[in-house]
Amino acid sequence: MSEPERIVINDVEYAPVSEKEEYGPLTLVVLDRGFIYVGKLARDEGGRAYSLTGASNVRKWDKGGFGGLTCGAESSEAMLDECYDVTWPPGTEISTHALPLGWKDA
């Protein structure tokens, strides 16, 4: 991949800005029956189950609806309960959401 082109105008250097948001290692997972967890997503070698390591259960959040929750834990006033790793079989997953860098403090 090549370096983006930079230009200099009146001794000020300009470069293109990428609008692609950078995602961190955390994924928000919505499971059957309304369970919501956040952690580092992994799949076992046989593809028979998925898991989150370093997981937390999202007990509740108070601002911004679900979209606000995906933007940041602190800004949505999310209450996270640390838990052991979470494993679930395929078919019980409703959705997964890659989270931006610094999600817990955003």
Protein backbone atom coordinates (compact mmCIF):
# COMPACT_ATOMS: atom_id res chain seq x y z
CA MET A 1 0.00 0.00 0.00
CA SER A 2 1.49 3.37 -1.00
CA GLU A 3 1.84 6.40 1.23
CA PRO A 4 -0.90 9.05 0.64
CA GLU A 5 0.16 12.09 -1.37
CA ARG A 6 1.06 15.15 0.69
CA ILE A 7 1.16 18.73 -0.53
CA VAL A 8 2.68 21.92 0.91
CA ILE A 9 0.91 25.28 0.63
CA ASN A 10 2.42 28.37 2.26
CA ASP A 11 4.81 26.18 4.26
CA VAL A 12 1.91 24.10 5.67
CA GLU A 13 1.90 20.38 4.88
CA TYR A 14 -1.46 18.78 4.05
CA ALA A 15 -2.32 15.10 3.68
CA PRO A 16 -5.55 13.24 2.87
CA VAL A 17 -7.59 12.24 5.90
CA SER A 18 -9.06 8.77 6.04
CA GLU A 19 -12.69 8.75 7.10
CA LYS A 20 -12.48 5.07 7.96
CA GLU A 21 -12.87 4.67 11.70
CA GLU A 22 -10.27 2.59 13.45
CA TYR A 23 -11.63 -0.35 15.38
CA GLY A 24 -10.13 -1.80 18.51
CA PRO A 25 -9.92 -5.36 19.73
CA LEU A 26 -13.36 -5.33 21.39
CA THR A 27 -16.59 -6.66 19.89
CA LEU A 28 -20.12 -6.17 21.22
CA VAL A 29 -22.19 -9.35 20.84
CA VAL A 30 -25.97 -9.57 21.12
CA LEU A 31 -27.13 -13.09 21.91
CA ASP A 32 -30.52 -14.79 22.01
CA ARG A 33 -32.81 -13.75 24.89
CA GLY A 34 -31.30 -10.26 25.08
CA PHE A 35 -27.89 -11.01 26.53
CA ILE A 36 -25.26 -8.44 25.50
CA TYR A 37 -21.54 -9.00 26.08
CA VAL A 38 -18.35 -7.21 25.14
CA GLY A 39 -14.86 -8.69 24.82
CA LYS A 40 -12.28 -10.06 22.40
CA LEU A 41 -14.04 -12.30 19.86
CA ALA A 42 -12.61 -15.71 18.95
CA ARG A 43 -13.83 -18.86 17.20
CA ASP A 44 -12.73 -22.36 18.16
CA GLU A 45 -10.68 -24.31 15.62
CA GLY A 46 -13.61 -26.41 14.43
CA GLY A 47 -15.88 -23.39 14.00
CA ARG A 48 -18.46 -25.03 16.29
CA ALA A 49 -18.53 -22.29 18.93
CA TYR A 50 -17.61 -18.68 19.46
CA SER A 51 -16.23 -17.04 22.56
CA LEU A 52 -15.36 -13.71 24.13
CA THR A 53 -12.26 -13.46 26.30
CA GLY A 54 -11.83 -10.67 28.83
CA ALA A 55 -15.61 -10.42 28.72
CA SER A 56 -18.08 -8.12 30.41
CA ASN A 57 -21.86 -8.34 30.48
CA VAL A 58 -23.66 -5.12 29.53
CA ARG A 59 -26.21 -4.93 32.33
CA LYS A 60 -27.80 -1.66 31.18
CA TRP A 61 -27.15 1.68 29.50
CA ASP A 62 -29.05 4.91 29.88
CA LYS A 63 -28.28 7.19 26.92
CA GLY A 64 -28.26 7.10 23.13
CA GLY A 65 -30.13 3.86 22.49
CA PHE A 66 -28.26 0.88 21.08
CA GLY A 67 -26.38 3.05 18.58
CA GLY A 68 -25.07 5.16 21.45
CA LEU A 69 -23.90 2.03 23.22
CA THR A 70 -21.85 1.01 20.17
CA CYS A 71 -20.18 4.46 20.16
CA GLY A 72 -18.98 4.42 23.76
CA ALA A 73 -19.61 2.89 27.16
CA GLU A 74 -19.03 6.02 29.21
CA SER A 75 -21.10 8.34 27.00
CA SER A 76 -24.03 5.89 27.02
CA GLU A 77 -23.66 5.45 30.81
CA ALA A 78 -23.30 1.69 30.37
CA MET A 79 -23.01 -0.53 33.42
CA LEU A 80 -20.56 -3.35 32.68
CA ASP A 81 -20.16 -6.42 34.88
CA GLU A 82 -16.88 -8.28 34.39
CA CYS A 83 -17.38 -12.00 33.90
CA TYR A 84 -15.55 -15.15 32.90
CA ASP A 85 -15.08 -15.92 29.23
CA VAL A 86 -18.38 -16.39 27.39
CA THR A 87 -18.93 -19.22 24.87
CA TRP A 88 -22.03 -19.79 22.74
CA PRO A 89 -23.00 -22.11 19.88
CA PRO A 90 -23.68 -20.80 16.36
CA GLY A 91 -27.31 -19.88 15.84
CA THR A 92 -27.74 -18.08 19.17
CA GLU A 93 -25.93 -14.95 17.99
CA ILE A 94 -28.20 -12.09 16.92
CA SER A 95 -25.51 -9.57 15.91
CA THR A 96 -21.89 -8.56 16.42
CA HIS A 97 -20.52 -5.02 16.39
CA ALA A 98 -16.85 -4.08 16.07
CA LEU A 99 -16.17 -1.30 18.56
CA PRO A 100 -14.01 1.79 18.04
CA LEU A 101 -10.67 2.18 19.78
CA GLY A 102 -11.14 3.47 23.31
CA TRP A 103 -14.76 2.33 23.46
CA LYS A 104 -14.85 1.93 27.26
CA ASP A 105 -13.76 5.54 27.84
CA ALA A 106 -15.70 7.13 24.98
